[in-house]
Amino acid sequence: MSRADRRLALLDAAAELLRGKDPVPLSFEAIAAGAGVSATLPYKYFDSIDEVANELYRRLVGEIDDETDRILADRSRSLDDKLRDSILLWCDMLRRDGLLLLRLADDAAHPSLRKVIERRRDRAIEVWAAELSTQFPLDTATARLLAASITAGSTAVLRRWIRDRLDRDDMVETFVRMARGQIEAVATA
């Protein structure tokens, strides 16, 4: 197995530990057992458990970021469609791996992940601010503020979707209308 493939296999084993009904705290020994390799092998591929958690988060959320970049690059699509599709990406990921994301983002278990999450959130704000600036006459600061509000709003809406077991399609359409209203209110002020 190549070094890259072995690293991925160890990350997969770590993800399975966290996905379990009774999750096992991440440790190199637990990852090794889950991957069926010697207890010392993970030490050759990762410097720390924090690195494993950070890489799992990047891999999980990175797929969404990559797809969001593709959605935003499509100039033939409306802003509403882009907002709709981006929130649907999160819905799909949360259905598939919400438990893994929740366990990774636990500050007590993985405090170093906070910086990774903050950098990812800042990147999302910049990407959405750039999109808003291409469609509306907004200065940079206003576009960033609006993008930050929409990003935070989408997170809150997704939490309500999960907690309140809202209808996904209704929730998505409500979010798009709310975001559109907010954008128009700021852009026409």
Protein backbone atom coordinates (compact mmCIF):
# COMPACT_ATOMS: atom_id res chain seq x y z
CA MET A 1 0.00 0.00 0.00
CA SER A 2 1.36 3.44 -0.89
CA ARG A 3 2.01 5.98 1.84
CA ALA A 4 -0.97 8.07 0.69
CA ASP A 5 -3.26 5.02 0.60
CA ARG A 6 -2.13 3.89 4.06
CA ARG A 7 -2.75 7.37 5.45
CA LEU A 8 -6.27 7.34 3.96
CA ALA A 9 -6.92 3.89 5.42
CA LEU A 10 -5.89 5.12 8.86
CA LEU A 11 -8.16 8.17 8.48
CA ASP A 12 -11.02 5.87 7.45
CA ALA A 13 -10.43 3.77 10.57
CA ALA A 14 -10.46 6.91 12.72
CA ALA A 15 -13.72 8.05 11.11
CA GLU A 16 -15.33 4.67 11.82
CA LEU A 17 -14.32 4.92 15.48
CA LEU A 18 -16.17 8.22 15.75
CA ARG A 19 -19.18 7.01 13.77
CA GLY A 20 -19.74 4.08 16.11
CA LYS A 21 -22.77 3.78 18.35
CA ASP A 22 -20.43 3.99 21.30
CA PRO A 23 -17.60 6.10 19.90
CA VAL A 24 -14.09 5.29 20.97
CA PRO A 25 -11.96 8.33 21.81
CA LEU A 26 -9.35 8.83 19.13
CA SER A 27 -5.96 7.40 20.00
CA PHE A 28 -3.27 5.97 17.80
CA GLU A 29 -3.80 2.59 19.43
CA ALA A 30 -7.54 2.61 18.71
CA ILE A 31 -6.95 3.74 15.12
CA ALA A 32 -4.39 0.97 14.64
CA ALA A 33 -6.79 -1.62 16.03
CA GLY A 34 -9.58 -0.33 13.80
CA ALA A 35 -7.33 -0.47 10.75
CA GLY A 36 -5.94 -3.89 11.66
CA VAL A 37 -2.32 -2.72 11.74
CA SER A 38 0.43 -2.60 14.34
CA ALA A 39 -0.11 -0.21 17.25
CA THR A 40 2.89 1.89 16.22
CA LEU A 41 2.01 2.39 12.54
CA PRO A 42 -0.19 5.51 12.96
CA TYR A 43 2.74 7.29 14.62
CA LYS A 44 4.58 7.06 11.31
CA TYR A 45 1.79 8.85 9.43
CA PHE A 46 0.56 11.49 11.88
CA ASP A 47 2.27 13.75 14.39
CA SER A 48 -0.69 13.86 16.78
CA ILE A 49 -4.31 12.89 17.30
CA ASP A 50 -5.16 16.54 16.66
CA GLU A 51 -3.68 16.15 13.18
CA VAL A 52 -5.96 13.14 12.60
CA ALA A 53 -9.05 15.07 13.76
CA ASN A 54 -8.11 18.11 11.70
CA GLU A 55 -7.54 16.01 8.60
CA LEU A 56 -10.85 14.20 9.05
CA TYR A 57 -12.65 17.53 9.33
CA ARG A 58 -10.86 18.95 6.29
CA ARG A 59 -11.72 15.86 4.28
CA LEU A 60 -15.37 15.89 5.32
CA VAL A 61 -15.98 19.61 4.86
CA GLY A 62 -13.50 19.98 2.02
CA GLU A 63 -15.75 17.94 -0.24
CA ILE A 64 -18.55 20.43 0.39
CA ASP A 65 -16.25 23.39 -0.17
CA ASP A 66 -15.03 21.94 -3.46
CA GLU A 67 -18.58 21.35 -4.66
CA THR A 68 -19.64 24.83 -3.50
CA ASP A 69 -16.77 26.29 -5.54
CA ARG A 70 -18.09 24.44 -8.61
CA ILE A 71 -21.63 25.67 -7.96
CA LEU A 72 -20.49 29.27 -7.58
CA ALA A 73 -18.33 29.09 -10.71
CA ASP A 74 -21.36 28.27 -12.86
CA ARG A 75 -22.38 31.71 -14.13
CA SER A 76 -25.51 30.32 -15.80
CA ARG A 77 -27.14 29.61 -12.43
CA SER A 78 -29.10 32.09 -10.36
CA LEU A 79 -28.02 33.16 -6.90
CA ASP A 80 -31.12 31.46 -5.49
CA ASP A 81 -30.11 28.18 -7.13
CA LYS A 82 -26.60 28.54 -5.76
CA LEU A 83 -27.89 29.18 -2.25
CA ARG A 84 -30.34 26.28 -2.56
CA ASP A 85 -27.75 23.83 -3.85
CA SER A 86 -25.17 24.82 -1.26
CA ILE A 87 -27.55 24.22 1.63
CA LEU A 88 -28.66 20.93 0.06
CA LEU A 89 -25.00 19.85 0.01
CA TRP A 90 -24.87 20.40 3.76
CA CYS A 91 -28.14 18.54 4.23
CA ASP A 92 -26.77 15.54 2.34
CA MET A 93 -23.50 15.56 4.29
CA LEU A 94 -25.30 15.91 7.62
CA ARG A 95 -27.57 12.99 6.79
CA ARG A 96 -24.58 10.90 5.82
CA ASP A 97 -21.99 12.06 8.36
CA GLY A 98 -23.56 14.49 10.81
CA LEU A 99 -22.59 12.37 13.78
CA LEU A 100 -18.97 12.30 12.65
CA LEU A 101 -18.96 16.09 12.18
CA LEU A 102 -20.57 16.61 15.60
CA ARG A 103 -18.02 14.39 17.33
CA LEU A 104 -15.11 16.01 15.51
CA ALA A 105 -16.28 19.53 16.33
CA ASP A 106 -16.48 18.75 20.07
CA ASP A 107 -14.21 21.42 21.57
CA ALA A 108 -13.45 19.29 24.62
CA ALA A 109 -12.27 16.33 22.55
CA HIS A 110 -10.49 18.24 19.78
CA PRO A 111 -9.73 21.82 20.86
CA SER A 112 -7.20 22.40 18.07
CA LEU A 113 -9.94 21.88 15.52
CA ARG A 114 -11.46 25.23 16.47
CA LYS A 115 -8.79 27.06 14.43
CA VAL A 116 -9.39 24.82 11.43
CA ILE A 117 -13.14 25.46 11.67
CA GLU A 118 -12.60 29.21 11.97
CA ARG A 119 -10.31 29.25 8.89
CA ARG A 120 -12.88 27.25 6.94
CA ARG A 121 -15.66 29.62 7.99
CA ASP A 122 -13.54 32.64 7.00
CA ARG A 123 -12.91 31.04 3.61
CA ALA A 124 -16.63 30.41 3.11
CA ILE A 125 -17.37 34.04 3.93
CA GLU A 126 -14.79 35.24 1.41
CA VAL A 127 -16.14 32.93 -1.31
CA TRP A 128 -19.73 34.05 -0.76
CA ALA A 129 -18.68 37.71 -0.47
CA ALA A 130 -16.98 37.45 -3.85
CA GLU A 131 -20.14 35.91 -5.32
CA LEU A 132 -22.34 38.64 -3.87
CA SER A 133 -19.98 41.33 -5.15
CA THR A 134 -20.27 39.99 -8.69
CA GLN A 135 -24.06 40.22 -8.63
CA PHE A 136 -24.67 43.36 -6.55
CA PRO A 137 -22.99 46.75 -6.20
CA LEU A 138 -21.52 46.07 -2.76
CA ASP A 139 -18.28 47.31 -1.27
CA THR A 140 -15.97 44.63 0.12
CA ALA A 141 -16.82 45.21 3.79
CA THR A 142 -20.57 45.08 3.14
CA ALA A 143 -20.25 41.96 0.99
CA ARG A 144 -18.26 40.24 3.75
CA LEU A 145 -20.75 41.27 6.43
CA LEU A 146 -23.65 40.00 4.35
CA ALA A 147 -21.82 36.76 3.54
CA ALA A 148 -21.05 36.27 7.25
CA SER A 149 -24.70 36.75 8.10
CA ILE A 150 -25.84 34.29 5.44
CA THR A 151 -23.21 31.75 6.51
CA ALA A 152 -24.22 32.01 10.17
CA GLY A 153 -27.88 31.90 9.16
CA SER A 154 -27.40 28.73 7.15
CA THR A 155 -25.72 27.08 10.14
CA ALA A 156 -28.61 28.06 12.40
CA VAL A 157 -31.19 26.85 9.89
CA LEU A 158 -29.43 23.51 9.52
CA ARG A 159 -29.38 23.08 13.30
CA ARG A 160 -33.12 23.77 13.46
CA TRP A 161 -33.68 21.31 10.59
CA ILE A 162 -31.94 18.59 12.57
CA ARG A 163 -33.34 19.41 16.02
CA ASP A 164 -36.91 20.12 14.97
CA ARG A 165 -37.03 17.51 12.19
CA LEU A 166 -38.24 20.11 9.72
CA ASP A 167 -39.19 19.22 6.18
CA ARG A 168 -35.96 19.59 4.22
CA ASP A 169 -37.45 21.15 1.10
CA ASP A 170 -39.53 23.66 3.09
CA MET A 171 -36.51 24.55 5.20
CA VAL A 172 -34.32 25.07 2.12
CA GLU A 173 -36.88 27.28 0.39
CA THR A 174 -37.40 29.32 3.57
CA PHE A 175 -33.64 29.80 3.87
CA VAL A 176 -33.35 30.91 0.23
CA ARG A 177 -36.19 33.43 0.67
CA MET A 178 -34.65 34.76 3.89
CA ALA A 179 -31.19 35.07 2.33
CA ARG A 180 -32.59 36.69 -0.82
CA GLY A 181 -34.55 39.19 1.28
CA GLN A 182 -31.51 40.06 3.32
CA ILE A 183 -29.34 40.45 0.22
CA GLU A 184 -31.87 42.67 -1.52
CA ALA A 185 -32.41 44.79 1.60
CA VAL A 186 -28.68 45.47 1.89
CA ALA A 187 -28.01 45.85 -1.85
CA THR A 188 -30.81 48.39 -2.35
CA ALA A 189 -30.18 50.42 0.82
